[in-house]
Amino acid sequence: MPETNIIQMSRVISLLIISLCLSLISCGKKRKGAREVVVSYYTEGKFNGAILIAKDGRRIYDTLLGYSDFDHKTKLHLHTVFYIASLSKPVTAIGIMLLQQKGLLHYDDLAASYVKGLPGYAGGITIRQLLTHTSGIRDYEGVLDNRKQLTNQDVIKWLNEERKLQFIPGSQFAYSNSGYIILSLVIESISGLSYSQFLQENLFTPLGMLHTKIFDKTNSLMENRAIGFNKQKALDDYSLLTTGDGGIYATVEDLYVLDQALRHGSLLSVENIKLMYEPPTLLSGKMSKYGFGWFIDKHNGSTIAQHTGGLDGFRALFWRDLDNDLTIITLTNQGDAIPLYNFREDLLSSLGK
């Protein structure tokens, strides 16, 4: 055999050996599963709470790890309810949509038509703009949220002390807790019920969300409530009394019931499901990023509806792949201990996403 052919054959064999070695090394690095990810966060002191992951209507992993009360060493159990913070916003949006389905409002109605006491500068904002955070109503967070037992009326009073909207309605997206408080007042005005009563009668009870409750003056001593703590395990419990923007305690089980109801059309009409996941077009022609109660994004070509929540000693995640029927729900009561977005990405990686 000529020397040049021997050299070429030797190079080919060398490349094959290198390729095989790399393949073996790659195979040796087994991807962590969801359980391994959660346990590693727990053992590192970064996770204390509940998690549920489901695919195609089947739970593929769920667990509870840690304490509902660090001071008394009370362990978490299946019916422990966590403060879900801004995960309440999809629930408020659903409440508005249920009223629309009853023919009691239109999305382009002016909020001031239903809520007395709004400042004059807010007279032209619509329910649709409040739902999509495009109203220009200023957010009270960072200004009032350090006040214990803050109420909806306290926020309305503060809005009346402001002089103008943040921007022309429909021109921009700006996340506003104040806007969702106004939506809860719309629900109360139209239904004649408290926000809590309306959701209990029209959402929680019909769906069988048996442990979901509103934290307000009538229900501030609810049973099985997780207490909020910080990374150092010092008390950092929830104490506001606003509704619409937050105020809800729930279990991962109940939120999964809600997820399934939305996926299978047992709660909202086809038209409303579409609107829920359809961000509006701003006056500039640019597409916004928030539908009716959900941040809407793309992940590996799939449409994702998600929301996070965080206040005091609580963090929450509700991540939903709409095209592949994959759901991740996480609730924790050791607030700043968990790097929530890193946790989400590690879980998605464990699921091959």
Protein backbone atom coordinates (compact mmCIF):
# COMPACT_ATOMS: atom_id res chain seq x y z
CA MET A 1 0.00 0.00 0.00
CA PRO A 2 1.41 3.45 -0.93
CA GLU A 3 2.65 5.55 1.99
CA THR A 4 0.14 8.38 1.27
CA ASN A 5 -2.79 5.95 1.58
CA ILE A 6 -1.44 4.62 4.88
CA ILE A 7 -1.19 8.18 6.24
CA GLN A 8 -4.74 9.02 5.12
CA MET A 9 -6.10 5.82 6.66
CA SER A 10 -4.28 6.58 9.89
CA ARG A 11 -5.84 10.03 10.04
CA VAL A 12 -9.33 8.61 9.47
CA ILE A 13 -8.85 6.05 12.24
CA SER A 14 -7.58 8.77 14.59
CA LEU A 15 -10.63 10.93 13.90
CA LEU A 16 -12.95 7.99 14.52
CA ILE A 17 -11.24 7.25 17.85
CA ILE A 18 -11.49 10.92 18.93
CA SER A 19 -15.16 11.04 17.92
CA LEU A 20 -15.88 7.84 19.87
CA CYS A 21 -14.11 9.18 22.96
CA LEU A 22 -16.06 12.44 22.85
CA SER A 23 -19.27 10.49 22.46
CA LEU A 24 -18.45 8.34 25.48
CA ILE A 25 -17.57 11.41 27.56
CA SER A 26 -20.84 13.05 26.54
CA CYS A 27 -22.83 9.95 27.44
CA GLY A 28 -21.09 9.87 30.81
CA LYS A 29 -22.47 13.31 31.65
CA LYS A 30 -26.02 12.26 32.38
CA ARG A 31 -28.52 15.11 32.45
CA LYS A 32 -29.97 15.80 35.88
CA GLY A 33 -33.61 14.88 36.26
CA ALA A 34 -36.20 17.23 37.76
CA ARG A 35 -36.03 15.42 41.10
CA GLU A 36 -32.25 15.80 41.25
CA VAL A 37 -32.52 19.51 40.47
CA VAL A 38 -35.10 20.13 43.20
CA VAL A 39 -33.26 18.04 45.80
CA SER A 40 -29.97 19.81 45.04
CA TYR A 41 -31.61 23.22 45.54
CA TYR A 42 -33.17 21.96 48.77
CA THR A 43 -29.93 20.54 50.19
CA GLU A 44 -28.17 23.81 49.34
CA GLY A 45 -30.80 25.74 51.30
CA LYS A 46 -32.26 27.37 48.18
CA PHE A 47 -35.66 25.68 48.06
CA ASN A 48 -38.33 25.30 50.72
CA GLY A 49 -41.77 24.67 49.32
CA ALA A 50 -43.90 22.72 46.88
CA ILE A 51 -43.49 21.86 43.21
CA LEU A 52 -45.61 20.11 40.60
CA ILE A 53 -44.57 19.27 37.03
CA ALA A 54 -47.06 17.77 34.58
CA LYS A 55 -46.90 16.68 30.95
CA ASP A 56 -49.89 15.80 28.77
CA GLY A 57 -52.23 15.87 31.73
CA ARG A 58 -50.07 13.50 33.79
CA ARG A 59 -47.96 14.48 36.80
CA ILE A 60 -44.37 13.54 36.20
CA TYR A 61 -42.98 14.98 39.44
CA ASP A 62 -44.39 16.60 42.55
CA THR A 63 -43.09 16.98 46.07
CA LEU A 64 -43.03 19.08 49.24
CA LEU A 65 -39.74 19.83 50.96
CA GLY A 66 -39.18 21.80 54.14
CA TYR A 67 -41.22 23.71 56.67
CA SER A 68 -44.38 25.77 56.61
CA ASP A 69 -43.10 27.48 59.78
CA PHE A 70 -39.38 27.46 60.55
CA ASP A 71 -39.86 28.84 64.07
CA HIS A 72 -42.09 25.95 65.14
CA LYS A 73 -40.52 23.36 62.81
CA THR A 74 -43.92 22.64 61.26
CA LYS A 75 -43.46 20.55 58.15
CA LEU A 76 -45.18 21.30 54.87
CA HIS A 77 -48.07 19.03 53.92
CA LEU A 78 -50.37 18.55 50.96
CA HIS A 79 -52.89 21.17 52.10
CA THR A 80 -50.39 23.87 53.07
CA VAL A 81 -51.33 27.08 51.26
CA PHE A 82 -48.71 29.57 50.08
CA TYR A 83 -49.10 33.22 49.25
CA ILE A 84 -48.93 33.30 45.44
CA ALA A 85 -48.37 37.06 45.05
CA SER A 86 -48.73 38.14 41.41
CA LEU A 87 -49.93 34.71 40.30
CA SER A 88 -53.20 36.24 41.51
CA LYS A 89 -53.31 38.38 38.36
CA PRO A 90 -54.32 35.53 36.01
CA VAL A 91 -57.08 34.72 38.52
CA THR A 92 -58.30 38.33 38.52
CA ALA A 93 -58.25 38.36 34.72
CA ILE A 94 -60.34 35.17 34.69
CA GLY A 95 -62.84 36.85 37.03
CA ILE A 96 -63.21 39.72 34.56
CA MET A 97 -63.61 37.27 31.66
CA LEU A 98 -66.32 35.37 33.51
CA LEU A 99 -68.25 38.63 33.90
CA GLN A 100 -67.80 39.31 30.20
CA GLN A 101 -69.16 35.85 29.38
CA LYS A 102 -72.22 36.66 31.46
CA GLY A 103 -72.74 39.78 29.33
CA LEU A 104 -72.12 42.10 32.27
CA LEU A 105 -69.22 44.05 30.77
CA HIS A 106 -67.27 44.72 27.58
CA TYR A 107 -63.49 44.87 27.52
CA ASP A 108 -63.50 48.33 26.00
CA ASP A 109 -65.78 49.74 28.70
CA LEU A 110 -64.25 52.53 30.73
CA ALA A 111 -63.19 51.37 34.19
CA ALA A 112 -64.53 54.62 35.64
CA SER A 113 -68.02 53.52 34.59
CA TYR A 114 -67.87 50.86 37.29
CA VAL A 115 -65.44 52.16 39.92
CA LYS A 116 -66.25 55.32 41.80
CA GLY A 117 -63.44 57.42 43.16
CA LEU A 118 -60.92 56.98 40.38
CA PRO A 119 -58.90 60.13 39.67
CA GLY A 120 -60.10 62.29 36.78
CA TYR A 121 -56.98 61.61 34.74
CA ALA A 122 -57.93 57.90 34.69
CA GLY A 123 -61.36 58.52 33.20
CA GLY A 124 -60.40 57.30 29.73
CA ILE A 125 -58.76 53.96 30.55
CA THR A 126 -60.47 50.75 29.54
CA ILE A 127 -60.79 47.37 31.19
CA ARG A 128 -58.78 45.87 28.30
CA GLN A 129 -55.90 48.28 28.98
CA LEU A 130 -55.91 47.41 32.67
CA LEU A 131 -55.80 43.69 31.85
CA THR A 132 -52.79 44.12 29.53
CA HIS A 133 -50.88 46.68 31.65
CA THR A 134 -51.17 49.31 28.92
CA SER A 135 -53.37 51.78 30.84
CA GLY A 136 -50.67 54.13 32.11
CA ILE A 137 -51.90 53.78 35.72
CA ARG A 138 -48.91 54.18 38.01
CA ASP A 139 -47.75 51.22 40.06
CA TYR A 140 -47.90 51.64 43.82
CA GLU A 141 -45.22 48.99 44.34
CA GLY A 142 -42.06 50.53 45.75
CA VAL A 143 -44.07 53.41 47.21
CA LEU A 144 -46.77 51.91 49.44
CA ASP A 145 -46.02 48.20 49.67
CA ASN A 146 -43.96 48.57 52.86
CA ARG A 147 -47.14 49.49 54.74
CA LYS A 148 -48.74 46.68 56.69
CA GLN A 149 -52.43 45.99 56.01
CA LEU A 150 -52.45 48.21 52.93
CA THR A 151 -55.93 48.14 51.35
CA ASN A 152 -57.35 48.77 47.90
CA GLN A 153 -58.81 52.06 49.08
CA ASP A 154 -55.38 53.17 50.31
CA VAL A 155 -54.08 52.63 46.78
CA ILE A 156 -57.02 54.52 45.21
CA LYS A 157 -56.36 57.40 47.60
CA TRP A 158 -52.70 57.44 46.56
CA LEU A 159 -53.67 57.42 42.87
CA ASN A 160 -55.83 60.48 43.51
CA GLU A 161 -52.80 62.24 44.93
CA GLU A 162 -50.91 61.61 41.69
CA ARG A 163 -51.35 64.19 38.94
CA LYS A 164 -51.41 62.18 35.74
CA LEU A 165 -51.02 58.85 34.00
CA GLN A 166 -47.56 57.48 33.36
CA PHE A 167 -48.21 57.52 29.59
CA ILE A 168 -50.99 57.73 27.00
CA PRO A 169 -53.20 54.62 27.36
CA GLY A 170 -52.34 51.99 24.79
CA SER A 171 -48.96 53.49 23.92
CA GLN A 172 -46.73 51.44 26.22
CA PHE A 173 -46.54 48.39 28.45
CA ALA A 174 -45.79 49.06 32.12
CA TYR A 175 -46.56 46.48 34.77
CA SER A 176 -49.00 47.96 37.27
CA ASN A 177 -50.28 46.33 40.44
CA SER A 178 -52.55 49.35 40.85
CA GLY A 179 -54.31 48.48 37.59
CA TYR A 180 -55.22 45.01 38.83
CA ILE A 181 -56.53 46.46 42.08
CA ILE A 182 -58.90 48.55 39.95
CA LEU A 183 -59.97 45.35 38.16
CA SER A 184 -60.85 43.73 41.49
CA LEU A 185 -63.02 46.77 42.24
CA VAL A 186 -64.70 46.34 38.84
CA ILE A 187 -65.52 42.74 39.82
CA GLU A 188 -67.00 43.88 43.11
CA SER A 189 -69.01 46.72 41.55
CA ILE A 190 -70.61 44.56 38.85
CA SER A 191 -71.18 41.40 40.89
CA GLY A 192 -72.31 43.06 44.11
CA LEU A 193 -70.03 40.63 45.94
CA SER A 194 -66.64 40.99 47.53
CA TYR A 195 -63.71 39.92 45.35
CA SER A 196 -63.31 36.92 47.65
CA GLN A 197 -66.96 35.88 47.47
CA PHE A 198 -67.14 36.26 43.71
CA LEU A 199 -64.09 34.08 43.07
CA GLN A 200 -65.20 31.50 45.62
CA GLU A 201 -68.64 31.15 44.04
CA ASN A 202 -67.66 31.44 40.39
CA LEU A 203 -64.19 29.91 40.21
CA PHE A 204 -62.74 28.13 43.22
CA THR A 205 -65.80 26.08 44.23
CA PRO A 206 -66.94 25.13 40.69
CA LEU A 207 -63.44 23.93 39.76
CA GLY A 208 -62.81 22.18 43.07
CA MET A 209 -59.94 24.47 44.11
CA LEU A 210 -60.71 23.46 47.67
CA HIS A 211 -57.83 25.14 49.49
CA THR A 212 -57.51 28.45 47.63
CA LYS A 213 -58.41 31.47 49.77
CA ILE A 214 -58.23 35.26 49.67
CA PHE A 215 -56.21 36.90 52.44
CA ASP A 216 -58.36 39.80 53.65
CA LYS A 217 -59.82 41.14 56.89
CA THR A 218 -62.38 38.33 56.96
CA ASN A 219 -59.91 35.54 56.30
CA SER A 220 -56.52 36.62 57.66
CA LEU A 221 -56.34 33.67 60.10
CA MET A 222 -56.78 30.93 57.48
CA GLU A 223 -55.78 27.37 58.35
CA ASN A 224 -52.74 25.57 56.94
CA ARG A 225 -51.08 28.82 55.94
CA ALA A 226 -47.35 28.79 55.21
CA ILE A 227 -45.49 31.53 57.05
CA GLY A 228 -43.01 33.61 55.08
CA PHE A 229 -39.30 33.65 55.98
CA ASN A 230 -36.16 34.98 54.35
CA LYS A 231 -32.87 33.31 53.44
CA GLN A 232 -31.66 33.59 57.04
CA LYS A 233 -34.93 31.96 58.24
CA ALA A 234 -36.03 35.20 59.88
CA LEU A 235 -39.75 35.99 59.83
CA ASP A 236 -40.78 37.84 56.64
CA ASP A 237 -44.51 37.17 56.45
CA TYR A 238 -47.14 38.69 54.17
CA SER A 239 -49.31 41.45 55.65
CA LEU A 240 -51.02 43.47 52.87
CA LEU A 241 -54.80 43.44 52.39
CA THR A 242 -55.00 44.44 48.72
CA THR A 243 -56.84 42.23 46.24
CA GLY A 244 -56.65 41.84 42.49
CA ASP A 245 -52.90 42.30 42.26
CA GLY A 246 -52.23 39.66 44.92
CA GLY A 247 -53.92 38.50 48.09
CA ILE A 248 -54.43 34.83 47.19
CA TYR A 249 -53.13 31.76 49.01
CA ALA A 250 -53.20 28.45 47.15
CA THR A 251 -51.61 25.02 46.75
CA VAL A 252 -49.78 23.72 43.70
CA GLU A 253 -52.56 21.15 43.40
CA ASP A 254 -55.25 23.83 43.09
CA LEU A 255 -53.24 25.80 40.55
CA TYR A 256 -52.83 22.64 38.49
CA VAL A 257 -56.62 22.22 38.55
CA LEU A 258 -56.84 25.74 37.12
CA ASP A 259 -54.21 24.94 34.48
CA GLN A 260 -56.19 21.92 33.30
CA ALA A 261 -59.48 23.83 33.21
CA LEU A 262 -57.88 26.46 30.96
CA ARG A 263 -56.31 23.83 28.70
CA HIS A 264 -59.52 21.84 28.27
CA GLY A 265 -61.96 24.74 27.82
CA SER A 266 -64.12 23.93 30.83
CA LEU A 267 -63.97 27.47 32.18
CA LEU A 268 -63.67 30.08 29.44
CA SER A 269 -64.93 30.40 25.88
CA VAL A 270 -62.69 29.75 22.89
CA GLU A 271 -62.68 33.50 22.17
CA ASN A 272 -61.55 34.36 25.68
CA ILE A 273 -58.85 31.69 25.72
CA LYS A 274 -57.47 33.25 22.55
CA LEU A 275 -57.58 36.76 24.04
CA MET A 276 -55.88 35.55 27.20
CA TYR A 277 -52.77 34.55 25.27
CA GLU A 278 -52.79 37.40 22.73
CA PRO A 279 -50.72 40.47 23.64
CA PRO A 280 -52.09 43.74 22.21
CA THR A 281 -50.50 45.88 19.54
CA LEU A 282 -49.32 49.20 20.98
CA LEU A 283 -50.02 52.55 19.31
CA SER A 284 -46.51 52.44 17.85
CA GLY A 285 -47.37 49.22 16.02
CA LYS A 286 -45.09 47.19 18.27
CA MET A 287 -46.45 44.03 19.85
CA SER A 288 -46.64 44.06 23.64
CA LYS A 289 -45.77 41.02 25.78
CA TYR A 290 -48.69 40.55 28.17
CA GLY A 291 -52.12 39.15 27.39
CA PHE A 292 -55.03 38.93 29.83
CA GLY A 293 -53.14 38.02 33.01
CA TRP A 294 -50.16 36.22 31.45
CA PHE A 295 -46.73 37.09 30.12
CA ILE A 296 -46.56 35.58 26.63
CA ASP A 297 -43.26 34.43 25.14
CA LYS A 298 -41.70 31.87 22.81
CA HIS A 299 -39.42 29.03 23.95
CA ASN A 300 -37.90 26.73 21.34
CA GLY A 301 -40.74 27.61 18.98
CA SER A 302 -43.51 26.96 21.52
CA THR A 303 -45.88 29.54 22.96
CA ILE A 304 -45.35 30.04 26.69
CA ALA A 305 -47.83 31.63 29.09
CA GLN A 306 -46.19 32.28 32.43
CA HIS A 307 -46.27 34.41 35.53
CA THR A 308 -44.08 34.78 38.57
CA GLY A 309 -44.88 36.24 41.94
CA GLY A 310 -42.81 37.51 44.80
CA LEU A 311 -43.34 39.53 47.94
CA ASP A 312 -41.89 39.30 51.42
CA GLY A 313 -41.03 35.66 52.18
CA PHE A 314 -42.83 34.18 49.18
CA ARG A 315 -41.88 33.35 45.61
CA ALA A 316 -44.06 31.65 42.99
CA LEU A 317 -43.81 30.39 39.42
CA PHE A 318 -46.55 29.26 37.03
CA TRP A 319 -44.96 28.24 33.67
CA ARG A 320 -47.12 26.75 30.91
CA ASP A 321 -46.05 25.47 27.49
CA LEU A 322 -49.30 25.84 25.58
CA ASP A 323 -48.23 23.82 22.55
CA ASN A 324 -46.70 20.83 24.35
CA ASP A 325 -48.98 20.63 27.41
CA LEU A 326 -46.16 21.04 29.90
CA THR A 327 -46.74 22.79 33.23
CA ILE A 328 -44.38 23.77 36.04
CA ILE A 329 -45.78 25.20 39.28
CA THR A 330 -43.55 26.20 42.19
CA LEU A 331 -44.53 27.85 45.48
CA THR A 332 -42.02 28.70 48.20
CA ASN A 333 -42.07 30.44 51.57
CA GLN A 334 -38.40 31.18 52.02
CA GLY A 335 -38.43 34.11 49.63
CA ASP A 336 -34.99 35.33 48.72
CA ALA A 337 -33.35 31.93 49.27
CA ILE A 338 -34.38 30.76 45.80
CA PRO A 339 -32.94 32.22 42.58
CA LEU A 340 -36.27 31.69 40.86
CA TYR A 341 -35.23 32.21 37.25
CA ASN A 342 -32.15 29.99 37.59
CA PHE A 343 -34.37 27.36 39.18
CA ARG A 344 -36.79 27.57 36.25
CA GLU A 345 -34.01 27.24 33.68
CA ASP A 346 -32.47 24.26 35.50
CA LEU A 347 -35.85 22.54 35.60
CA LEU A 348 -36.43 23.18 31.90
CA SER A 349 -32.97 21.80 31.14
CA SER A 350 -33.77 18.69 33.17
CA LEU A 351 -36.87 18.22 31.02
CA GLY A 352 -34.91 18.63 27.80
CA LYS A 353 -36.31 22.08 27.10
